[in-house]
């Protein structure tokens, strides 16, 4: 077992941070300071909740972060499709 469910859920809360970082890198959009503070607060809370398990399983934590990053990339792709006026579910059905 690579990571338990509570650890997975704690680090899934950090997906907000990875989405923000990827949006900054790809779209060069600036976020308000309130959004940044809220995101950092959620991530600090997730880290504090999982503090005692951080040393035990780096591979599982890396898998969760990889999951967060791919989810963030998926969110950006869906937003691009919406801007072009393409139905996301229609595109999904065509590519499958």
C-alpha atoms as a PDB file:
ATOM      1  CA  UNK A   1       0.000   0.000   0.000  1.00  0.00           C
ATOM      2  CA  UNK A   2       1.506   3.305  -1.068  1.00  0.00           C
ATOM      3  CA  UNK A   3      -0.692   5.773   0.823  1.00  0.00           C
ATOM      4  CA  UNK A   4      -3.723   5.552   3.066  1.00  0.00           C
ATOM      5  CA  UNK A   5      -7.011   7.296   2.356  1.00  0.00           C
ATOM      6  CA  UNK A   6      -6.728  10.063   5.001  1.00  0.00           C
ATOM      7  CA  UNK A   7      -3.303  11.046   3.652  1.00  0.00           C
ATOM      8  CA  UNK A   8      -4.633  11.008   0.099  1.00  0.00           C
ATOM      9  CA  UNK A   9      -7.513  13.268   1.067  1.00  0.00           C
ATOM     10  CA  UNK A  10      -5.244  15.628   3.001  1.00  0.00           C
ATOM     11  CA  UNK A  11      -2.906  16.098   0.057  1.00  0.00           C
ATOM     12  CA  UNK A  12      -5.778  16.300  -2.436  1.00  0.00           C
ATOM     13  CA  UNK A  13      -6.629  19.590  -0.771  1.00  0.00           C
ATOM     14  CA  UNK A  14      -3.353  20.887  -2.169  1.00  0.00           C
ATOM     15  CA  UNK A  15      -4.702  20.466  -5.707  1.00  0.00           C
ATOM     16  CA  UNK A  16      -5.876  24.055  -5.417  1.00  0.00           C
ATOM     17  CA  UNK A  17      -2.255  25.136  -5.068  1.00  0.00           C
ATOM     18  CA  UNK A  18      -1.057  23.093  -8.047  1.00  0.00           C
ATOM     19  CA  UNK A  19      -3.894  24.490 -10.164  1.00  0.00           C
ATOM     20  CA  UNK A  20      -2.931  28.018  -9.164  1.00  0.00           C
ATOM     21  CA  UNK A  21       0.733  27.426 -10.008  1.00  0.00           C
ATOM     22  CA  UNK A  22      -0.070  25.886 -13.398  1.00  0.00           C
ATOM     23  CA  UNK A  23      -2.483  28.723 -14.218  1.00  0.00           C
ATOM     24  CA  UNK A  24       0.274  31.207 -13.379  1.00  0.00           C
ATOM     25  CA  UNK A  25       2.766  29.330 -15.555  1.00  0.00           C
ATOM     26  CA  UNK A  26       0.524  28.823 -18.587  1.00  0.00           C
ATOM     27  CA  UNK A  27      -1.881  31.751 -18.640  1.00  0.00           C
ATOM     28  CA  UNK A  28       0.179  34.405 -16.859  1.00  0.00           C
ATOM     29  CA  UNK A  29      -2.895  35.404 -14.872  1.00  0.00           C
ATOM     30  CA  UNK A  30      -2.569  37.196 -11.573  1.00  0.00           C
ATOM     31  CA  UNK A  31      -4.643  36.119  -8.621  1.00  0.00           C
ATOM     32  CA  UNK A  32      -5.915  38.369  -5.893  1.00  0.00           C
ATOM     33  CA  UNK A  33      -4.089  38.322  -2.575  1.00  0.00           C
ATOM     34  CA  UNK A  34      -7.231  36.932  -0.886  1.00  0.00           C
ATOM     35  CA  UNK A  35      -7.218  33.911  -3.201  1.00  0.00           C
ATOM     36  CA  UNK A  36      -3.533  33.343  -2.572  1.00  0.00           C
ATOM     37  CA  UNK A  37      -3.922  33.560   1.213  1.00  0.00           C
ATOM     38  CA  UNK A  38      -6.865  31.139   1.174  1.00  0.00           C
ATOM     39  CA  UNK A  39      -4.941  28.670  -0.982  1.00  0.00           C
ATOM     40  CA  UNK A  40      -1.878  28.800   1.250  1.00  0.00           C
ATOM     41  CA  UNK A  41      -4.088  28.384   4.334  1.00  0.00           C
ATOM     42  CA  UNK A  42      -5.676  25.244   2.911  1.00  0.00           C
ATOM     43  CA  UNK A  43      -2.278  23.789   2.009  1.00  0.00           C
ATOM     44  CA  UNK A  44      -0.800  24.563   5.428  1.00  0.00           C
ATOM     45  CA  UNK A  45      -3.817  22.908   7.042  1.00  0.00           C
ATOM     46  CA  UNK A  46      -3.327  19.814   4.896  1.00  0.00           C
ATOM     47  CA  UNK A  47       0.359  19.668   5.767  1.00  0.00           C
ATOM     48  CA  UNK A  48      -0.363  20.048   9.472  1.00  0.00           C
ATOM     49  CA  UNK A  49      -3.004  17.323   9.310  1.00  0.00           C
ATOM     50  CA  UNK A  50      -0.535  14.897   7.762  1.00  0.00           C
ATOM     51  CA  UNK A  51       2.605  16.037   9.583  1.00  0.00           C
ATOM     52  CA  UNK A  52       3.308  12.786  11.448  1.00  0.00           C
ATOM     53  CA  UNK A  53       3.094  10.693   8.266  1.00  0.00           C
ATOM     54  CA  UNK A  54       5.274  12.867   6.027  1.00  0.00           C
ATOM     55  CA  UNK A  55       8.490  10.953   6.694  1.00  0.00           C
ATOM     56  CA  UNK A  56       7.072   7.495   6.186  1.00  0.00           C
ATOM     57  CA  UNK A  57       5.972   7.351   2.576  1.00  0.00           C
ATOM     58  CA  UNK A  58       7.490   9.729   0.032  1.00  0.00           C
ATOM     59  CA  UNK A  59       6.508   7.579  -2.938  1.00  0.00           C
ATOM     60  CA  UNK A  60       2.822   7.720  -2.028  1.00  0.00           C
ATOM     61  CA  UNK A  61       3.001  11.467  -1.491  1.00  0.00           C
ATOM     62  CA  UNK A  62       4.681  11.861  -4.894  1.00  0.00           C
ATOM     63  CA  UNK A  63       1.845   9.864  -6.486  1.00  0.00           C
ATOM     64  CA  UNK A  64      -0.756  12.149  -4.909  1.00  0.00           C
ATOM     65  CA  UNK A  65       1.089  15.252  -6.160  1.00  0.00           C
ATOM     66  CA  UNK A  66       1.293  13.715  -9.628  1.00  0.00           C
ATOM     67  CA  UNK A  67      -2.462  13.193  -9.413  1.00  0.00           C
ATOM     68  CA  UNK A  68      -2.907  16.851  -8.381  1.00  0.00           C
ATOM     69  CA  UNK A  69      -0.803  18.109 -11.285  1.00  0.00           C
ATOM     70  CA  UNK A  70      -2.604  15.993 -13.882  1.00  0.00           C
ATOM     71  CA  UNK A  71      -5.956  17.141 -12.505  1.00  0.00           C
ATOM     72  CA  UNK A  72      -4.798  20.755 -12.804  1.00  0.00           C
ATOM     73  CA  UNK A  73      -3.725  20.215 -16.402  1.00  0.00           C
ATOM     74  CA  UNK A  74      -7.093  18.628 -17.114  1.00  0.00           C
ATOM     75  CA  UNK A  75      -8.866  21.665 -15.653  1.00  0.00           C
ATOM     76  CA  UNK A  76      -6.894  23.989 -17.932  1.00  0.00           C
ATOM     77  CA  UNK A  77      -7.652  21.838 -20.978  1.00  0.00           C
ATOM     78  CA  UNK A  78     -11.371  21.835 -20.192  1.00  0.00           C
ATOM     79  CA  UNK A  79     -11.313  25.614 -19.816  1.00  0.00           C
ATOM     80  CA  UNK A  80      -9.647  25.980 -23.227  1.00  0.00           C
ATOM     81  CA  UNK A  81     -12.314  23.767 -24.774  1.00  0.00           C
ATOM     82  CA  UNK A  82     -15.066  25.835 -23.188  1.00  0.00           C
ATOM     83  CA  UNK A  83     -13.529  29.039 -24.542  1.00  0.00           C
ATOM     84  CA  UNK A  84     -13.559  27.564 -28.050  1.00  0.00           C
ATOM     85  CA  UNK A  85     -17.207  26.598 -27.629  1.00  0.00           C
ATOM     86  CA  UNK A  86     -16.586  22.858 -27.749  1.00  0.00           C
ATOM     87  CA  UNK A  87     -18.737  20.711 -25.499  1.00  0.00           C
ATOM     88  CA  UNK A  88     -16.413  18.841 -23.159  1.00  0.00           C
ATOM     89  CA  UNK A  89     -18.533  15.699 -23.119  1.00  0.00           C
ATOM     90  CA  UNK A  90     -18.854  15.730 -26.900  1.00  0.00           C
ATOM     91  CA  UNK A  91     -15.096  15.956 -27.244  1.00  0.00           C
ATOM     92  CA  UNK A  92     -14.678  13.135 -24.734  1.00  0.00           C
ATOM     93  CA  UNK A  93     -17.047  10.851 -26.629  1.00  0.00           C
ATOM     94  CA  UNK A  94     -15.296  11.588 -29.938  1.00  0.00           C
ATOM     95  CA  UNK A  95     -11.797  10.882 -28.622  1.00  0.00           C
ATOM     96  CA  UNK A  96     -12.777   7.670 -26.828  1.00  0.00           C
END
